[in-house]
């Protein structure tokens, strides 16, 4: 019985010592890590170019939302025209974004193979 109690006490003291050691290591780790300042050591003479800010009022007047709405309504009433407008919009998008991904290349190859050019 004495051996069991002695072994139990020794195990308990070792586990407490282990927990205290781990807690001490954790606290020391928090104290060692320095806080990093943003842009520390950066040369301010090399400032990043700023984005161009446009006046929202000017761009809104150029849009003419009423005319755009009427165009959309007219297009939606004619199902044949919807596909044509979609194709035009797609061509315009591809013109603005010339990078082709693997999916677009695969679609083009499928269209060439099936003859749906």
PDB file of N, CA and C in Angstrom:
ATOM      1  N   UNK A   1       0.825  -1.182   0.000  1.00  0.00           N
ATOM      2  CA  UNK A   1       0.000   0.000   0.000  1.00  0.00           C
ATOM      3  C   UNK A   1       0.875   1.253   0.000  1.00  0.00           C
ATOM      4  N   UNK A   2       1.989   1.201   0.771  1.00  0.00           N
ATOM      5  CA  UNK A   2       2.884   2.340   0.821  1.00  0.00           C
ATOM      6  C   UNK A   2       3.516   2.579  -0.542  1.00  0.00           C
ATOM      7  N   UNK A   3       3.855   1.471  -1.240  1.00  0.00           N
ATOM      8  CA  UNK A   3       4.471   1.620  -2.557  1.00  0.00           C
ATOM      9  C   UNK A   3       3.503   2.259  -3.542  1.00  0.00           C
ATOM     10  N   UNK A   4       2.241   1.911  -3.479  1.00  0.00           N
ATOM     11  CA  UNK A   4       1.233   2.463  -4.376  1.00  0.00           C
ATOM     12  C   UNK A   4       1.072   3.952  -4.117  1.00  0.00           C
ATOM     13  N   UNK A   5       0.971   4.333  -2.852  1.00  0.00           N
ATOM     14  CA  UNK A   5       0.829   5.741  -2.513  1.00  0.00           C
ATOM     15  C   UNK A   5       2.079   6.530  -2.886  1.00  0.00           C
ATOM     16  N   UNK A   6       3.258   5.915  -2.670  1.00  0.00           N
ATOM     17  CA  UNK A   6       4.498   6.586  -3.023  1.00  0.00           C
ATOM     18  C   UNK A   6       4.588   6.780  -4.542  1.00  0.00           C
ATOM     19  N   UNK A   7       4.214   5.772  -5.337  1.00  0.00           N
ATOM     20  CA  UNK A   7       4.237   5.861  -6.802  1.00  0.00           C
ATOM     21  C   UNK A   7       3.212   6.882  -7.288  1.00  0.00           C
ATOM     22  N   UNK A   8       2.044   6.890  -6.646  1.00  0.00           N
ATOM     23  CA  UNK A   8       1.001   7.845  -7.020  1.00  0.00           C
ATOM     24  C   UNK A   8       1.439   9.277  -6.724  1.00  0.00           C
ATOM     25  N   UNK A   9       2.062   9.495  -5.592  1.00  0.00           N
ATOM     26  CA  UNK A   9       2.548  10.819  -5.234  1.00  0.00           C
ATOM     27  C   UNK A   9       3.654  11.280  -6.167  1.00  0.00           C
ATOM     28  N   UNK A  10       4.536  10.360  -6.546  1.00  0.00           N
ATOM     29  CA  UNK A  10       5.628  10.704  -7.453  1.00  0.00           C
ATOM     30  C   UNK A  10       5.071  11.051  -8.837  1.00  0.00           C
ATOM     31  N   UNK A  11       4.100  10.328  -9.337  1.00  0.00           N
ATOM     32  CA  UNK A  11       3.484  10.597 -10.631  1.00  0.00           C
ATOM     33  C   UNK A  11       2.767  11.942 -10.613  1.00  0.00           C
ATOM     34  N   UNK A  12       2.078  12.218  -9.521  1.00  0.00           N
ATOM     35  CA  UNK A  12       1.363  13.479  -9.387  1.00  0.00           C
ATOM     36  C   UNK A  12       2.340  14.663  -9.360  1.00  0.00           C
ATOM     37  N   UNK A  13       3.427  14.525  -8.656  1.00  0.00           N
ATOM     38  CA  UNK A  13       4.391  15.621  -8.587  1.00  0.00           C
ATOM     39  C   UNK A  13       5.074  15.834  -9.938  1.00  0.00           C
ATOM     40  N   UNK A  14       5.339  14.734 -10.660  1.00  0.00           N
ATOM     41  CA  UNK A  14       5.955  14.871 -11.983  1.00  0.00           C
ATOM     42  C   UNK A  14       4.999  15.546 -12.964  1.00  0.00           C
ATOM     43  N   UNK A  15       3.712  15.223 -12.894  1.00  0.00           N
ATOM     44  CA  UNK A  15       2.751  15.836 -13.809  1.00  0.00           C
ATOM     45  C   UNK A  15       2.576  17.326 -13.490  1.00  0.00           C
ATOM     46  N   UNK A  16       2.579  17.686 -12.220  1.00  0.00           N
ATOM     47  CA  UNK A  16       2.477  19.101 -11.845  1.00  0.00           C
ATOM     48  C   UNK A  16       3.708  19.855 -12.326  1.00  0.00           C
ATOM     49  N   UNK A  17       4.885  19.240 -12.162  1.00  0.00           N
ATOM     50  CA  UNK A  17       6.121  19.851 -12.630  1.00  0.00           C
ATOM     51  C   UNK A  17       6.102  20.039 -14.143  1.00  0.00           C
ATOM     52  N   UNK A  18       5.581  19.066 -14.864  1.00  0.00           N
ATOM     53  CA  UNK A  18       5.498  19.149 -16.324  1.00  0.00           C
ATOM     54  C   UNK A  18       4.553  20.267 -16.752  1.00  0.00           C
ATOM     55  N   UNK A  19       3.406  20.380 -16.105  1.00  0.00           N
ATOM     56  CA  UNK A  19       2.445  21.434 -16.437  1.00  0.00           C
ATOM     57  C   UNK A  19       3.040  22.809 -16.147  1.00  0.00           C
ATOM     58  N   UNK A  20       3.711  22.962 -15.037  1.00  0.00           N
ATOM     59  CA  UNK A  20       4.335  24.246 -14.703  1.00  0.00           C
ATOM     60  C   UNK A  20       5.429  24.603 -15.709  1.00  0.00           C
ATOM     61  N   UNK A  21       6.218  23.612 -16.130  1.00  0.00           N
ATOM     62  CA  UNK A  21       7.272  23.866 -17.111  1.00  0.00           C
ATOM     63  C   UNK A  21       6.682  24.312 -18.442  1.00  0.00           C
ATOM     64  N   UNK A  22       5.624  23.653 -18.888  1.00  0.00           N
ATOM     65  CA  UNK A  22       4.972  24.024 -20.152  1.00  0.00           C
ATOM     66  C   UNK A  22       4.353  25.427 -20.062  1.00  0.00           C
ATOM     67  N   UNK A  23       3.769  25.753 -18.941  1.00  0.00           N
ATOM     68  CA  UNK A  23       3.187  27.087 -18.761  1.00  0.00           C
ATOM     69  C   UNK A  23       4.280  28.146 -18.790  1.00  0.00           C
ATOM     70  N   UNK A  24       5.415  27.871 -18.169  1.00  0.00           N
ATOM     71  CA  UNK A  24       6.518  28.816 -18.165  1.00  0.00           C
ATOM     72  C   UNK A  24       7.072  29.022 -19.572  1.00  0.00           C
ATOM     73  N   UNK A  25       7.201  27.950 -20.324  1.00  0.00           N
ATOM     74  CA  UNK A  25       7.680  28.058 -21.713  1.00  0.00           C
ATOM     75  C   UNK A  25       6.699  28.884 -22.549  1.00  0.00           C
ATOM     76  N   UNK A  26       5.407  28.671 -22.350  1.00  0.00           N
ATOM     77  CA  UNK A  26       4.398  29.436 -23.080  1.00  0.00           C
ATOM     78  C   UNK A  26       4.453  30.912 -22.768  1.00  0.00           C
ATOM     79  N   UNK A  27       4.601  31.243 -21.502  1.00  0.00           N
ATOM     80  CA  UNK A  27       4.678  32.657 -21.107  1.00  0.00           C
ATOM     81  C   UNK A  27       5.949  33.314 -21.633  1.00  0.00           C
ATOM     82  N   UNK A  28       7.056  32.589 -21.617  1.00  0.00           N
ATOM     83  CA  UNK A  28       8.298  33.134 -22.152  1.00  0.00           C
ATOM     84  C   UNK A  28       8.190  33.336 -23.663  1.00  0.00           C
ATOM     85  N   UNK A  29       7.490  32.449 -24.327  1.00  0.00           N
ATOM     86  CA  UNK A  29       7.291  32.583 -25.777  1.00  0.00           C
ATOM     87  C   UNK A  29       6.484  33.825 -26.115  1.00  0.00           C
ATOM     88  N   UNK A  30       5.498  34.139 -25.313  1.00  0.00           N
ATOM     89  CA  UNK A  30       4.704  35.342 -25.556  1.00  0.00           C
ATOM     90  C   UNK A  30       5.521  36.605 -25.323  1.00  0.00           C
ATOM     91  N   UNK A  31       6.417  36.553 -24.368  1.00  0.00           N
ATOM     92  CA  UNK A  31       7.226  37.719 -24.063  1.00  0.00           C
ATOM     93  C   UNK A  31       8.332  37.951 -25.077  1.00  0.00           C
ATOM     94  N   UNK A  32       8.791  36.914 -25.733  1.00  0.00           N
ATOM     95  CA  UNK A  32       9.898  37.039 -26.675  1.00  0.00           C
ATOM     96  C   UNK A  32       9.439  37.581 -28.022  1.00  0.00           C
ATOM     97  N   UNK A  33       8.237  37.222 -28.465  1.00  0.00           N
ATOM     98  CA  UNK A  33       7.756  37.622 -29.783  1.00  0.00           C
ATOM     99  C   UNK A  33       7.514  39.127 -29.800  1.00  0.00           C
ATOM    100  N   UNK A  34       8.254  39.863 -30.608  1.00  0.00           N
ATOM    101  CA  UNK A  34       8.062  41.321 -30.652  1.00  0.00           C
ATOM    102  C   UNK A  34       6.849  41.673 -31.507  1.00  0.00           C
ATOM    103  N   UNK A  35       6.253  42.779 -31.193  1.00  0.00           N
ATOM    104  CA  UNK A  35       5.150  43.243 -32.027  1.00  0.00           C
ATOM    105  C   UNK A  35       5.750  43.959 -33.232  1.00  0.00           C
ATOM    106  N   UNK A  36       5.244  43.652 -34.415  1.00  0.00           N
ATOM    107  CA  UNK A  36       5.803  44.211 -35.634  1.00  0.00           C
ATOM    108  C   UNK A  36       4.978  45.411 -36.079  1.00  0.00           C
ATOM    109  N   UNK A  37       5.650  46.499 -36.331  1.00  0.00           N
ATOM    110  CA  UNK A  37       4.967  47.694 -36.802  1.00  0.00           C
ATOM    111  C   UNK A  37       4.761  47.589 -38.309  1.00  0.00           C
ATOM    112  N   UNK A  38       3.666  48.115 -38.791  1.00  0.00           N
ATOM    113  CA  UNK A  38       3.385  48.094 -40.220  1.00  0.00           C
ATOM    114  C   UNK A  38       4.343  49.030 -40.934  1.00  0.00           C
ATOM    115  N   UNK A  39       4.867  48.592 -42.047  1.00  0.00           N
ATOM    116  CA  UNK A  39       5.790  49.374 -42.873  1.00  0.00           C
ATOM    117  C   UNK A  39       7.056  49.776 -42.109  1.00  0.00           C
ATOM    118  N   UNK A  40       7.483  48.966 -41.189  1.00  0.00           N
ATOM    119  CA  UNK A  40       8.683  49.298 -40.427  1.00  0.00           C
ATOM    120  C   UNK A  40       9.897  49.219 -41.339  1.00  0.00           C
ATOM    121  N   UNK A  41      10.681  50.266 -41.350  1.00  0.00           N
ATOM    122  CA  UNK A  41      11.894  50.285 -42.144  1.00  0.00           C
ATOM    123  C   UNK A  41      11.667  50.540 -43.617  1.00  0.00           C
ATOM    124  N   UNK A  42      10.463  50.857 -44.013  1.00  0.00           N
ATOM    125  CA  UNK A  42      10.170  51.093 -45.429  1.00  0.00           C
ATOM    126  C   UNK A  42      10.554  52.524 -45.784  1.00  0.00           C
ATOM    127  N   UNK A  43      11.134  52.668 -46.939  1.00  0.00           N
ATOM    128  CA  UNK A  43      11.517  53.992 -47.415  1.00  0.00           C
ATOM    129  C   UNK A  43      10.261  54.717 -47.895  1.00  0.00           C
ATOM    130  N   UNK A  44       9.911  55.809 -47.279  1.00  0.00           N
ATOM    131  CA  UNK A  44       8.682  56.535 -47.616  1.00  0.00           C
ATOM    132  C   UNK A  44       8.788  57.286 -48.934  1.00  0.00           C
ATOM    133  N   UNK A  45       9.999  57.433 -49.464  1.00  0.00           N
ATOM    134  CA  UNK A  45      10.138  58.152 -50.735  1.00  0.00           C
ATOM    135  C   UNK A  45       9.613  57.319 -51.898  1.00  0.00           C
ATOM    136  N   UNK A  46       9.515  56.008 -51.699  1.00  0.00           N
ATOM    137  CA  UNK A  46       8.998  55.129 -52.745  1.00  0.00           C
ATOM    138  C   UNK A  46       7.534  54.801 -52.449  1.00  0.00           C
ATOM    139  N   UNK A  47       6.692  55.789 -52.491  1.00  0.00           N
ATOM    140  CA  UNK A  47       5.279  55.610 -52.179  1.00  0.00           C
ATOM    141  C   UNK A  47       4.593  54.855 -53.309  1.00  0.00           C
ATOM    142  N   UNK A  48       3.602  54.081 -52.935  1.00  0.00           N
ATOM    143  CA  UNK A  48       2.851  53.322 -53.921  1.00  0.00           C
ATOM    144  C   UNK A  48       1.956  54.273 -54.703  1.00  0.00           C
ATOM    145  N   UNK A  49       1.779  54.017 -56.015  1.00  0.00           N
ATOM    146  CA  UNK A  49       0.906  54.896 -56.792  1.00  0.00           C
ATOM    147  C   UNK A  49      -0.535  54.770 -56.306  1.00  0.00           C
ATOM    148  N   UNK A  50      -1.196  55.904 -56.198  1.00  0.00           N
ATOM    149  CA  UNK A  50      -2.567  55.884 -55.711  1.00  0.00           C
ATOM    150  C   UNK A  50      -3.526  55.666 -56.877  1.00  0.00           C
ATOM    151  N   UNK A  51      -4.659  55.108 -56.572  1.00  0.00           N
ATOM    152  CA  UNK A  51      -5.668  54.844 -57.588  1.00  0.00           C
ATOM    153  C   UNK A  51      -6.365  56.143 -57.966  1.00  0.00           C
ATOM    154  N   UNK A  52      -6.818  56.210 -59.199  1.00  0.00           N
ATOM    155  CA  UNK A  52      -7.514  57.404 -59.665  1.00  0.00           C
ATOM    156  C   UNK A  52      -8.939  57.388 -59.111  1.00  0.00           C
ATOM    157  N   UNK A  53      -9.325  58.453 -58.480  1.00  0.00           N
ATOM    158  CA  UNK A  53     -10.660  58.566 -57.913  1.00  0.00           C
ATOM    159  C   UNK A  53     -11.496  59.416 -58.860  1.00  0.00           C
ATOM    160  N   UNK A  54     -12.596  58.854 -59.292  1.00  0.00           N
ATOM    161  CA  UNK A  54     -13.461  59.591 -60.205  1.00  0.00           C
ATOM    162  C   UNK A  54     -14.639  60.168 -59.441  1.00  0.00           C
ATOM    163  N   UNK A  55     -15.247  61.165 -60.014  1.00  0.00           N
ATOM    164  CA  UNK A  55     -16.405  61.791 -59.402  1.00  0.00           C
ATOM    165  C   UNK A  55     -17.632  60.929 -59.699  1.00  0.00           C
ATOM    166  N   UNK A  56     -18.320  60.392 -58.687  1.00  0.00           N
ATOM    167  CA  UNK A  56     -19.475  59.527 -58.934  1.00  0.00           C
ATOM    168  C   UNK A  56     -20.605  60.240 -59.669  1.00  0.00           C
ATOM    169  N   UNK A  57     -20.755  61.529 -59.446  1.00  0.00           N
ATOM    170  CA  UNK A  57     -21.848  62.262 -60.098  1.00  0.00           C
ATOM    171  C   UNK A  57     -21.643  62.304 -61.607  1.00  0.00           C
ATOM    172  N   UNK A  58     -20.419  62.504 -62.059  1.00  0.00           N
ATOM    173  CA  UNK A  58     -20.159  62.550 -63.500  1.00  0.00           C
ATOM    174  C   UNK A  58     -20.414  61.200 -64.151  1.00  0.00           C
ATOM    175  N   UNK A  59     -19.930  60.130 -63.529  1.00  0.00           N
ATOM    176  CA  UNK A  59     -20.106  58.820 -64.141  1.00  0.00           C
ATOM    177  C   UNK A  59     -21.582  58.401 -64.128  1.00  0.00           C
ATOM    178  N   UNK A  60     -22.345  58.820 -63.124  1.00  0.00           N
ATOM    179  CA  UNK A  60     -23.757  58.464 -63.068  1.00  0.00           C
ATOM    180  C   UNK A  60     -24.534  59.176 -64.169  1.00  0.00           C
ATOM    181  N   UNK A  61     -24.181  60.434 -64.442  1.00  0.00           N
ATOM    182  CA  UNK A  61     -24.864  61.163 -65.506  1.00  0.00           C
ATOM    183  C   UNK A  61     -24.576  60.543 -66.866  1.00  0.00           C
ATOM    184  N   UNK A  62     -23.379  60.019 -67.047  1.00  0.00           N
ATOM    185  CA  UNK A  62     -23.019  59.400 -68.313  1.00  0.00           C
ATOM    186  C   UNK A  62     -23.750  58.075 -68.536  1.00  0.00           C
ATOM    187  N   UNK A  63     -24.157  57.433 -67.477  1.00  0.00           N
ATOM    188  CA  UNK A  63     -24.778  56.116 -67.602  1.00  0.00           C
ATOM    189  C   UNK A  63     -26.186  56.174 -68.196  1.00  0.00           C
ATOM    190  N   UNK A  64     -26.959  57.155 -67.835  1.00  0.00           N
ATOM    191  CA  UNK A  64     -28.350  57.279 -68.242  1.00  0.00           C
ATOM    192  C   UNK A  64     -29.112  55.989 -67.907  1.00  0.00           C
ATOM    193  N   UNK A  65     -29.443  55.772 -66.652  1.00  0.00           N
ATOM    194  CA  UNK A  65     -30.041  54.516 -66.222  1.00  0.00           C
ATOM    195  C   UNK A  65     -31.409  54.233 -66.840  1.00  0.00           C
ATOM    196  N   UNK A  66     -32.172  55.246 -67.156  1.00  0.00           N
ATOM    197  CA  UNK A  66     -33.496  55.021 -67.741  1.00  0.00           C
ATOM    198  C   UNK A  66     -33.370  54.384 -69.124  1.00  0.00           C
ATOM    199  N   UNK A  67     -32.456  54.872 -69.942  1.00  0.00           N
ATOM    200  CA  UNK A  67     -32.250  54.298 -71.273  1.00  0.00           C
ATOM    201  C   UNK A  67     -31.721  52.873 -71.171  1.00  0.00           C
ATOM    202  N   UNK A  68     -30.834  52.624 -70.229  1.00  0.00           N
ATOM    203  CA  UNK A  68     -30.310  51.272 -70.046  1.00  0.00           C
ATOM    204  C   UNK A  68     -31.421  50.317 -69.627  1.00  0.00           C
ATOM    205  N   UNK A  69     -32.323  50.779 -68.750  1.00  0.00           N
ATOM    206  CA  UNK A  69     -33.442  49.947 -68.319  1.00  0.00           C
ATOM    207  C   UNK A  69     -34.360  49.621 -69.491  1.00  0.00           C
ATOM    208  N   UNK A  70     -34.657  50.622 -70.318  1.00  0.00           N
ATOM    209  CA  UNK A  70     -35.533  50.383 -71.472  1.00  0.00           C
ATOM    210  C   UNK A  70     -34.899  49.402 -72.456  1.00  0.00           C
ATOM    211  N   UNK A  71     -33.585  49.485 -72.658  1.00  0.00           N
ATOM    212  CA  UNK A  71     -32.888  48.522 -73.524  1.00  0.00           C
ATOM    213  C   UNK A  71     -33.009  47.105 -72.983  1.00  0.00           C
ATOM    214  N   UNK A  72     -32.849  46.956 -71.688  1.00  0.00           N
ATOM    215  CA  UNK A  72     -32.939  45.625 -71.078  1.00  0.00           C
ATOM    216  C   UNK A  72     -34.340  45.064 -71.223  1.00  0.00           C
ATOM    217  N   UNK A  73     -35.354  45.899 -71.038  1.00  0.00           N
ATOM    218  CA  UNK A  73     -36.740  45.435 -71.160  1.00  0.00           C
ATOM    219  C   UNK A  73     -37.031  45.001 -72.593  1.00  0.00           C
ATOM    220  N   UNK A  74     -36.576  45.784 -73.578  1.00  0.00           N
ATOM    221  CA  UNK A  74     -36.790  45.436 -74.985  1.00  0.00           C
ATOM    222  C   UNK A  74     -36.082  44.137 -75.332  1.00  0.00           C
ATOM    223  N   UNK A  75     -34.901  43.966 -74.833  1.00  0.00           N
ATOM    224  CA  UNK A  75     -34.136  42.759 -75.114  1.00  0.00           C
ATOM    225  C   UNK A  75     -34.798  41.540 -74.484  1.00  0.00           C
ATOM    226  N   UNK A  76     -35.303  41.682 -73.277  1.00  0.00           N
ATOM    227  CA  UNK A  76     -35.927  40.555 -72.584  1.00  0.00           C
ATOM    228  C   UNK A  76     -37.226  40.123 -73.244  1.00  0.00           C
ATOM    229  N   UNK A  77     -37.901  41.029 -73.952  1.00  0.00           N
ATOM    230  CA  UNK A  77     -39.165  40.681 -74.607  1.00  0.00           C
ATOM    231  C   UNK A  77     -38.954  39.854 -75.867  1.00  0.00           C
ATOM    232  N   UNK A  78     -37.770  39.897 -76.442  1.00  0.00           N
ATOM    233  CA  UNK A  78     -37.486  39.161 -77.664  1.00  0.00           C
ATOM    234  C   UNK A  78     -36.433  38.081 -77.354  1.00  0.00           C
ATOM    235  N   UNK A  79     -36.850  36.803 -77.219  1.00  0.00           N
ATOM    236  CA  UNK A  79     -35.905  35.748 -76.836  1.00  0.00           C
ATOM    237  C   UNK A  79     -34.755  35.555 -77.834  1.00  0.00           C
ATOM    238  N   UNK A  80     -34.985  35.790 -79.109  1.00  0.00           N
ATOM    239  CA  UNK A  80     -33.916  35.622 -80.093  1.00  0.00           C
ATOM    240  C   UNK A  80     -32.843  36.695 -79.902  1.00  0.00           C
ATOM    241  N   UNK A  81     -33.272  37.866 -79.500  1.00  0.00           N
ATOM    242  CA  UNK A  81     -32.326  38.965 -79.316  1.00  0.00           C
ATOM    243  C   UNK A  81     -31.492  38.784 -78.045  1.00  0.00           C
ATOM    244  N   UNK A  82     -32.047  38.050 -77.081  1.00  0.00           N
ATOM    245  CA  UNK A  82     -31.324  37.830 -75.825  1.00  0.00           C
ATOM    246  C   UNK A  82     -30.005  37.110 -76.100  1.00  0.00           C
ATOM    247  N   UNK A  83     -30.062  36.073 -76.925  1.00  0.00           N
ATOM    248  CA  UNK A  83     -28.843  35.326 -77.240  1.00  0.00           C
ATOM    249  C   UNK A  83     -27.850  36.195 -78.011  1.00  0.00           C
ATOM    250  N   UNK A  84     -28.354  37.011 -78.918  1.00  0.00           N
ATOM    251  CA  UNK A  84     -27.485  37.894 -79.692  1.00  0.00           C
ATOM    252  C   UNK A  84     -26.796  38.911 -78.776  1.00  0.00           C
ATOM    253  N   UNK A  85     -27.543  39.495 -77.853  1.00  0.00           N
ATOM    254  CA  UNK A  85     -26.975  40.463 -76.923  1.00  0.00           C
ATOM    255  C   UNK A  85     -25.957  39.774 -76.011  1.00  0.00           C
ATOM    256  N   UNK A  86     -26.277  38.529 -75.624  1.00  0.00           N
ATOM    257  CA  UNK A  86     -25.340  37.772 -74.784  1.00  0.00           C
ATOM    258  C   UNK A  86     -24.026  37.527 -75.530  1.00  0.00           C
ATOM    259  N   UNK A  87     -24.118  37.125 -76.786  1.00  0.00           N
ATOM    260  CA  UNK A  87     -22.904  36.881 -77.579  1.00  0.00           C
ATOM    261  C   UNK A  87     -22.086  38.158 -77.745  1.00  0.00           C
ATOM    262  N   UNK A  88     -22.767  39.286 -77.989  1.00  0.00           N
ATOM    263  CA  UNK A  88     -22.058  40.566 -78.124  1.00  0.00           C
ATOM    264  C   UNK A  88     -21.359  40.929 -76.812  1.00  0.00           C
ATOM    265  N   UNK A  89     -22.065  40.724 -75.714  1.00  0.00           N
ATOM    266  CA  UNK A  89     -21.495  41.028 -74.407  1.00  0.00           C
ATOM    267  C   UNK A  89     -20.300  40.123 -74.110  1.00  0.00           C
ATOM    268  N   UNK A  90     -20.418  38.853 -74.498  1.00  0.00           N
ATOM    269  CA  UNK A  90     -19.328  37.909 -74.292  1.00  0.00           C
ATOM    270  C   UNK A  90     -18.100  38.286 -75.118  1.00  0.00           C
ATOM    271  N   UNK A  91     -18.320  38.699 -76.364  1.00  0.00           N
ATOM    272  CA  UNK A  91     -17.209  39.133 -77.218  1.00  0.00           C
ATOM    273  C   UNK A  91     -16.537  40.375 -76.627  1.00  0.00           C
ATOM    274  N   UNK A  92     -17.342  41.297 -76.110  1.00  0.00           N
ATOM    275  CA  UNK A  92     -16.799  42.512 -75.500  1.00  0.00           C
ATOM    276  C   UNK A  92     -15.974  42.162 -74.259  1.00  0.00           C
ATOM    277  N   UNK A  93     -16.480  41.226 -73.472  1.00  0.00           N
ATOM    278  CA  UNK A  93     -15.760  40.814 -72.270  1.00  0.00           C
ATOM    279  C   UNK A  93     -14.436  40.153 -72.642  1.00  0.00           C
ATOM    280  N   UNK A  94     -14.471  39.282 -73.633  1.00  0.00           N
ATOM    281  CA  UNK A  94     -13.243  38.610 -74.054  1.00  0.00           C
ATOM    282  C   UNK A  94     -12.251  39.607 -74.644  1.00  0.00           C
ATOM    283  N   UNK A  95     -12.757  40.667 -75.277  1.00  0.00           N
ATOM    284  CA  UNK A  95     -11.868  41.698 -75.792  1.00  0.00           C
ATOM    285  C   UNK A  95     -11.168  42.457 -74.678  1.00  0.00           C
ATOM    286  N   UNK A  96     -11.879  42.683 -73.571  1.00  0.00           N
ATOM    287  CA  UNK A  96     -11.301  43.395 -72.439  1.00  0.00           C
ATOM    288  C   UNK A  96     -10.406  42.498 -71.587  1.00  0.00           C
ATOM    289  N   UNK A  97     -10.692  41.195 -71.589  1.00  0.00           N
ATOM    290  CA  UNK A  97      -9.928  40.236 -70.778  1.00  0.00           C
ATOM    291  C   UNK A  97      -9.346  39.168 -71.707  1.00  0.00           C
ATOM    292  N   UNK A  98      -8.203  39.455 -72.344  1.00  0.00           N
ATOM    293  CA  UNK A  98      -7.680  38.550 -73.354  1.00  0.00           C
ATOM    294  C   UNK A  98      -7.071  37.260 -72.809  1.00  0.00           C
ATOM    295  N   UNK A  99      -6.820  37.164 -71.528  1.00  0.00           N
ATOM    296  CA  UNK A  99      -6.216  35.948 -70.995  1.00  0.00           C
ATOM    297  C   UNK A  99      -7.208  34.799 -71.098  1.00  0.00           C
ATOM    298  N   UNK A 100      -6.713  33.716 -71.664  1.00  0.00           N
ATOM    299  CA  UNK A 100      -7.555  32.537 -71.796  1.00  0.00           C
ATOM    300  C   UNK A 100      -7.085  31.482 -70.816  1.00  0.00           C
ATOM    301  N   UNK A 101      -8.009  30.935 -70.081  1.00  0.00           N
ATOM    302  CA  UNK A 101      -7.680  29.866 -69.158  1.00  0.00           C
ATOM    303  C   UNK A 101      -7.825  28.528 -69.857  1.00  0.00           C
ATOM    304  N   UNK A 102      -7.548  27.481 -69.147  1.00  0.00           N
ATOM    305  CA  UNK A 102      -7.617  26.145 -69.725  1.00  0.00           C
ATOM    306  C   UNK A 102      -9.058  25.769 -70.074  1.00  0.00           C
ATOM    307  N   UNK A 103     -10.017  26.296 -69.320  1.00  0.00           N
ATOM    308  CA  UNK A 103     -11.419  25.981 -69.596  1.00  0.00           C
ATOM    309  C   UNK A 103     -11.846  26.593 -70.929  1.00  0.00           C
ATOM    310  N   UNK A 104     -11.470  27.847 -71.180  1.00  0.00           N
ATOM    311  CA  UNK A 104     -11.837  28.492 -72.441  1.00  0.00           C
ATOM    312  C   UNK A 104     -11.188  27.785 -73.617  1.00  0.00           C
ATOM    313  N   UNK A 105      -9.928  27.375 -73.465  1.00  0.00           N
ATOM    314  CA  UNK A 105      -9.253  26.664 -74.542  1.00  0.00           C
ATOM    315  C   UNK A 105      -9.918  25.322 -74.810  1.00  0.00           C
ATOM    316  N   UNK A 106     -10.342  24.652 -73.746  1.00  0.00           N
ATOM    317  CA  UNK A 106     -11.023  23.374 -73.916  1.00  0.00           C
ATOM    318  C   UNK A 106     -12.361  23.572 -74.618  1.00  0.00           C
ATOM    319  N   UNK A 107     -13.084  24.630 -74.272  1.00  0.00           N
ATOM    320  CA  UNK A 107     -14.363  24.911 -74.932  1.00  0.00           C
ATOM    321  C   UNK A 107     -14.159  25.167 -76.424  1.00  0.00           C
ATOM    322  N   UNK A 108     -13.110  25.925 -76.765  1.00  0.00           N
ATOM    323  CA  UNK A 108     -12.836  26.202 -78.174  1.00  0.00           C
ATOM    324  C   UNK A 108     -12.486  24.925 -78.924  1.00  0.00           C
ATOM    325  N   UNK A 109     -11.712  24.049 -78.304  1.00  0.00           N
ATOM    326  CA  UNK A 109     -11.364  22.791 -78.950  1.00  0.00           C
ATOM    327  C   UNK A 109     -12.595  21.914 -79.164  1.00  0.00           C
ATOM    328  N   UNK A 110     -13.479  21.905 -78.179  1.00  0.00           N
ATOM    329  CA  UNK A 110     -14.712  21.118 -78.316  1.00  0.00           C
ATOM    330  C   UNK A 110     -15.567  21.672 -79.445  1.00  0.00           C
ATOM    331  N   UNK A 111     -15.657  23.009 -79.540  1.00  0.00           N
ATOM    332  CA  UNK A 111     -16.422  23.610 -80.618  1.00  0.00           C
ATOM    333  C   UNK A 111     -15.812  23.283 -81.983  1.00  0.00           C
ATOM    334  N   UNK A 112     -14.479  23.273 -82.085  1.00  0.00           N
ATOM    335  CA  UNK A 112     -13.828  22.934 -83.341  1.00  0.00           C
ATOM    336  C   UNK A 112     -14.079  21.480 -83.727  1.00  0.00           C
ATOM    337  N   UNK A 113     -14.019  20.593 -82.735  1.00  0.00           N
ATOM    338  CA  UNK A 113     -14.210  19.158 -83.012  1.00  0.00           C
ATOM    339  C   UNK A 113     -15.650  18.867 -83.411  1.00  0.00           C
ATOM    340  N   UNK A 114     -16.600  19.502 -82.714  1.00  0.00           N
ATOM    341  CA  UNK A 114     -18.005  19.218 -83.012  1.00  0.00           C
ATOM    342  C   UNK A 114     -18.502  20.009 -84.234  1.00  0.00           C
ATOM    343  N   UNK A 115     -17.748  20.997 -84.677  1.00  0.00           N
ATOM    344  CA  UNK A 115     -18.152  21.769 -85.853  1.00  0.00           C
ATOM    345  C   UNK A 115     -19.138  22.863 -85.544  1.00  0.00           C
ATOM    346  N   UNK A 116     -19.246  23.279 -84.324  1.00  0.00           N
ATOM    347  CA  UNK A 116     -20.170  24.344 -83.932  1.00  0.00           C
ATOM    348  C   UNK A 116     -19.461  25.686 -83.945  1.00  0.00           C
ATOM    349  N   UNK A 117     -18.556  25.907 -84.870  1.00  0.00           N
ATOM    350  CA  UNK A 117     -17.780  27.144 -84.948  1.00  0.00           C
ATOM    351  C   UNK A 117     -18.689  28.290 -85.063  1.00  0.00           C
TER     352      UNK A 117
END
